[in-house]
């Protein structure tokens, strides 16, 4: 009876320790998730912005979508046709303990042509313009500061507006992670896997060439 009782006590103690450990891990996970922040930017083709920022250490995910307009639940066709007021945008979720909002904003300005008010690279029209979206005065002050520093570094007027955050609508599923997709698609370059189609588009659009021309070695996502 004593041995059985001792085994039961040991089992209860082990179960209690496991329960406490599990609860602690869950609290840590929740705290980490709660500490994450988001930054929403528009930089022309959202495939490209998503691809660039998902390569940054500390960025957890980047989601392509639409924001800044008045139309509810817009489609890609509606946004690119014009009239919705929406930008092609990317919502970046990041861990501020690993990469700061200021660092991401600095990289953003140097990954686009912020002097172009009519679109980005080969993509023309209002939906392809650049913008930064902020949710409070602190974020706006920081974005203004980084914009001023970028303008000084570039030596040209930056036209990228800093706008109040509004509802962000994730784009259709086929747009997410397009840059690394394996689905076969038909393009003006012929049938290609999504990843190959993305590279062909980006090169033909002249994005990296123009960014390198503007920012040189300060461009964070353009190879030498």
Protein backbone atom coordinates (compact mmCIF):
# COMPACT_ATOMS: atom_id res chain seq x y z
CA UNK A 1 0.00 0.00 0.00
CA UNK A 2 2.82 2.41 0.85
CA UNK A 3 4.62 1.76 -2.49
CA UNK A 4 1.40 2.30 -4.45
CA UNK A 5 0.68 5.47 -2.52
CA UNK A 6 4.24 6.77 -3.17
CA UNK A 7 3.91 6.04 -6.93
CA UNK A 8 0.61 7.91 -7.04
CA UNK A 9 2.19 10.87 -5.24
CA UNK A 10 5.16 10.85 -7.60
CA UNK A 11 2.84 10.71 -10.59
CA UNK A 12 0.80 13.64 -9.29
CA UNK A 13 3.98 15.62 -8.66
CA UNK A 14 5.31 14.93 -12.19
CA UNK A 15 1.95 15.85 -13.71
CA UNK A 16 1.93 19.10 -11.73
CA UNK A 17 5.46 20.00 -12.88
CA UNK A 18 4.55 19.29 -16.52
CA UNK A 19 1.40 21.39 -16.19
CA UNK A 20 3.32 24.32 -14.71
CA UNK A 21 6.01 24.09 -17.38
CA UNK A 22 3.43 23.98 -20.16
CA UNK A 23 1.60 26.98 -18.74
CA UNK A 24 4.89 28.90 -18.54
CA UNK A 25 5.71 28.13 -22.17
CA UNK A 26 2.26 29.25 -23.23
CA UNK A 27 2.69 32.51 -21.30
CA UNK A 28 6.07 33.12 -22.93
CA UNK A 29 4.62 32.41 -26.36
CA UNK A 30 1.70 34.72 -25.74
CA UNK A 31 3.97 37.46 -24.45
CA UNK A 32 6.19 37.15 -27.52
CA UNK A 33 3.21 37.30 -29.85
CA UNK A 34 1.76 40.23 -27.94
CA UNK A 35 5.07 42.08 -28.29
CA UNK A 36 5.03 41.90 -32.09
CA UNK A 37 4.26 45.06 -34.06
CA UNK A 38 3.05 45.82 -37.58
CA UNK A 39 4.14 48.30 -40.21
CA UNK A 40 2.08 48.87 -43.35
CA UNK A 41 3.74 50.34 -46.44
CA UNK A 42 2.97 50.69 -50.13
CA UNK A 43 5.90 50.33 -52.49
CA UNK A 44 4.49 49.45 -55.88
CA UNK A 45 4.20 45.74 -56.69
CA UNK A 46 3.34 44.05 -53.42
CA UNK A 47 5.05 40.80 -54.49
CA UNK A 48 8.35 42.70 -54.48
CA UNK A 49 7.82 44.43 -51.14
CA UNK A 50 6.76 41.16 -49.56
CA UNK A 51 9.80 39.37 -50.97
CA UNK A 52 12.19 42.08 -49.77
CA UNK A 53 10.95 42.35 -46.20
CA UNK A 54 10.44 38.66 -45.53
CA UNK A 55 14.23 38.39 -45.94
CA UNK A 56 14.86 40.75 -43.01
CA UNK A 57 15.84 39.09 -39.71
CA UNK A 58 13.19 39.93 -37.13
CA UNK A 59 10.37 40.13 -39.66
CA UNK A 60 7.88 37.38 -38.88
CA UNK A 61 5.69 37.70 -41.96
CA UNK A 62 4.67 40.09 -44.71
CA UNK A 63 1.15 39.99 -46.14
CA UNK A 64 0.17 41.52 -49.49
CA UNK A 65 -3.05 43.48 -49.53
CA UNK A 66 -4.93 46.70 -50.15
CA UNK A 67 -5.42 49.76 -47.97
CA UNK A 68 -5.93 53.52 -47.99
CA UNK A 69 -9.16 53.56 -49.99
CA UNK A 70 -12.89 53.51 -49.35
CA UNK A 71 -14.00 50.34 -51.15
CA UNK A 72 -14.75 47.40 -48.85
CA UNK A 73 -13.22 43.99 -49.60
CA UNK A 74 -11.67 45.13 -52.87
CA UNK A 75 -10.32 42.71 -55.47
CA UNK A 76 -7.02 42.98 -57.30
CA UNK A 77 -8.87 43.76 -60.52
CA UNK A 78 -10.81 46.60 -58.88
CA UNK A 79 -7.76 48.13 -57.21
CA UNK A 80 -5.53 48.07 -60.29
CA UNK A 81 -8.34 49.40 -62.48
CA UNK A 82 -8.42 52.54 -60.31
CA UNK A 83 -11.16 54.38 -58.52
CA UNK A 84 -11.08 52.54 -55.19
CA UNK A 85 -8.49 54.81 -53.59
CA UNK A 86 -6.57 51.74 -52.41
CA UNK A 87 -2.85 51.18 -52.65
CA UNK A 88 -1.18 47.83 -53.24
CA UNK A 89 0.34 47.50 -49.80
CA UNK A 90 2.15 45.09 -47.51
CA UNK A 91 1.54 44.62 -43.80
CA UNK A 92 4.81 43.65 -42.11
CA UNK A 93 4.69 41.90 -38.74
CA UNK A 94 7.98 42.14 -36.86
CA UNK A 95 9.62 41.54 -33.51
CA UNK A 96 10.84 44.95 -32.26
CA UNK A 97 13.43 43.21 -30.08
CA UNK A 98 15.16 42.03 -33.27
CA UNK A 99 14.48 44.82 -35.77
CA UNK A 100 13.09 48.27 -35.05
CA UNK A 101 10.36 50.19 -36.83
CA UNK A 102 12.94 52.87 -37.62
CA UNK A 103 15.24 50.32 -39.28
CA UNK A 104 12.37 48.97 -41.38
CA UNK A 105 11.33 52.47 -42.46
CA UNK A 106 14.91 53.30 -43.39
CA UNK A 107 15.09 50.15 -45.50
CA UNK A 108 11.72 50.87 -47.08
CA UNK A 109 12.71 54.28 -48.43
CA UNK A 110 15.87 52.78 -49.89
CA UNK A 111 13.98 49.92 -51.56
CA UNK A 112 11.69 52.12 -53.70
CA UNK A 113 11.78 55.25 -55.86
CA UNK A 114 10.24 57.73 -53.40
CA UNK A 115 10.60 60.56 -55.93
CA UNK A 116 7.95 59.06 -58.25
CA UNK A 117 4.39 60.29 -57.66
CA UNK A 118 2.85 58.34 -60.53
CA UNK A 119 3.56 54.75 -59.57
CA UNK A 120 6.66 52.59 -59.26
CA UNK A 121 8.99 51.51 -62.05
CA UNK A 122 6.98 49.90 -64.88
CA UNK A 123 3.77 49.86 -62.83
CA UNK A 124 1.87 53.10 -63.32
CA UNK A 125 -1.26 54.43 -61.66
CA UNK A 126 -2.50 55.46 -58.22
CA UNK A 127 -2.57 51.94 -56.78
CA UNK A 128 1.18 51.58 -57.33
CA UNK A 129 2.23 54.78 -55.54
CA UNK A 130 4.37 54.68 -52.41
CA UNK A 131 3.02 55.46 -48.95
CA UNK A 132 3.57 54.77 -45.26
CA UNK A 133 0.61 54.18 -42.97
CA UNK A 134 0.70 55.14 -39.28
CA UNK A 135 -1.68 54.53 -36.39
CA UNK A 136 -0.65 57.21 -33.89
CA UNK A 137 1.33 60.43 -33.45
CA UNK A 138 4.44 58.59 -32.30
CA UNK A 139 4.55 56.49 -35.46
CA UNK A 140 3.93 59.60 -37.57
CA UNK A 141 6.75 61.54 -35.90
CA UNK A 142 9.12 58.63 -36.48
CA UNK A 143 8.08 58.25 -40.13
CA UNK A 144 8.52 62.01 -40.67
CA UNK A 145 12.01 61.81 -39.15
CA UNK A 146 13.09 58.87 -41.29
CA UNK A 147 11.60 60.50 -44.40
CA UNK A 148 13.56 63.71 -43.74
CA UNK A 149 16.77 61.73 -43.26
CA UNK A 150 16.16 59.78 -46.47
CA UNK A 151 15.47 62.99 -48.40
CA UNK A 152 18.69 64.53 -47.10
CA UNK A 153 20.67 61.41 -48.00
CA UNK A 154 19.14 61.23 -51.48
CA UNK A 155 19.38 64.93 -52.22
CA UNK A 156 16.02 64.87 -53.99
CA UNK A 157 12.45 65.64 -52.94
CA UNK A 158 10.63 62.59 -51.56
CA UNK A 159 6.94 62.53 -52.43
CA UNK A 160 5.95 59.44 -50.40
CA UNK A 161 3.05 60.51 -48.15
CA UNK A 162 2.59 59.46 -44.54
CA UNK A 163 -1.07 58.57 -44.12
CA UNK A 164 -3.37 57.55 -41.30
CA UNK A 165 -3.81 53.81 -41.08
CA UNK A 166 -7.10 52.39 -42.32
CA UNK A 167 -8.53 48.91 -42.82
CA UNK A 168 -6.04 46.54 -44.40
CA UNK A 169 -7.58 43.94 -46.71
CA UNK A 170 -5.35 40.92 -47.43
CA UNK A 171 -5.05 40.23 -51.15
CA UNK A 172 -6.29 37.05 -52.78
CA UNK A 173 -4.53 33.85 -51.72
CA UNK A 174 -2.68 33.44 -55.02
CA UNK A 175 -0.84 36.73 -54.41
CA UNK A 176 0.58 35.64 -51.05
CA UNK A 177 4.18 34.38 -51.24
CA UNK A 178 3.95 34.56 -55.03
CA UNK A 179 7.69 35.20 -55.23
CA UNK A 180 8.46 31.70 -53.97
CA UNK A 181 5.50 29.80 -55.36
CA UNK A 182 5.82 26.65 -57.45
CA UNK A 183 2.51 26.73 -59.31
CA UNK A 184 2.76 26.82 -63.10
CA UNK A 185 1.45 30.12 -64.52
CA UNK A 186 1.20 31.52 -68.02
CA UNK A 187 2.97 34.85 -68.49
CA UNK A 188 4.18 37.08 -71.30
CA UNK A 189 7.48 35.27 -70.84
CA UNK A 190 5.77 31.94 -71.49
CA UNK A 191 4.72 29.23 -68.98
CA UNK A 192 6.78 29.47 -65.80
CA UNK A 193 6.69 28.49 -62.16
CA UNK A 194 5.60 31.40 -60.00
CA UNK A 195 9.08 31.98 -58.55
CA UNK A 196 10.61 32.15 -62.03
CA UNK A 197 7.77 34.33 -63.32
CA UNK A 198 8.31 36.71 -60.41
CA UNK A 199 12.04 37.04 -61.13
CA UNK A 200 11.38 37.65 -64.82
CA UNK A 201 8.79 40.31 -64.01
CA UNK A 202 11.00 42.08 -61.46
CA UNK A 203 13.93 42.21 -63.85
CA UNK A 204 11.81 43.40 -66.81
CA UNK A 205 10.16 46.07 -64.66
CA UNK A 206 13.52 47.63 -63.84
CA UNK A 207 12.91 47.82 -60.11
CA UNK A 208 16.37 46.87 -58.89
CA UNK A 209 18.11 48.83 -61.62
CA UNK A 210 16.33 52.06 -60.66
CA UNK A 211 16.75 51.51 -56.92
CA UNK A 212 20.47 50.93 -57.40
CA UNK A 213 20.70 54.05 -59.54
CA UNK A 214 19.08 56.11 -56.80
CA UNK A 215 20.53 54.61 -53.65
CA UNK A 216 23.71 52.81 -54.73
CA UNK A 217 25.27 50.75 -51.94
CA UNK A 218 22.62 51.98 -49.47
CA UNK A 219 19.94 49.92 -51.24
CA UNK A 220 19.33 47.02 -48.81
CA UNK A 221 17.81 44.47 -51.20
CA UNK A 222 19.84 45.01 -54.36
CA UNK A 223 22.97 42.98 -54.98
CA UNK A 224 26.20 44.55 -56.12
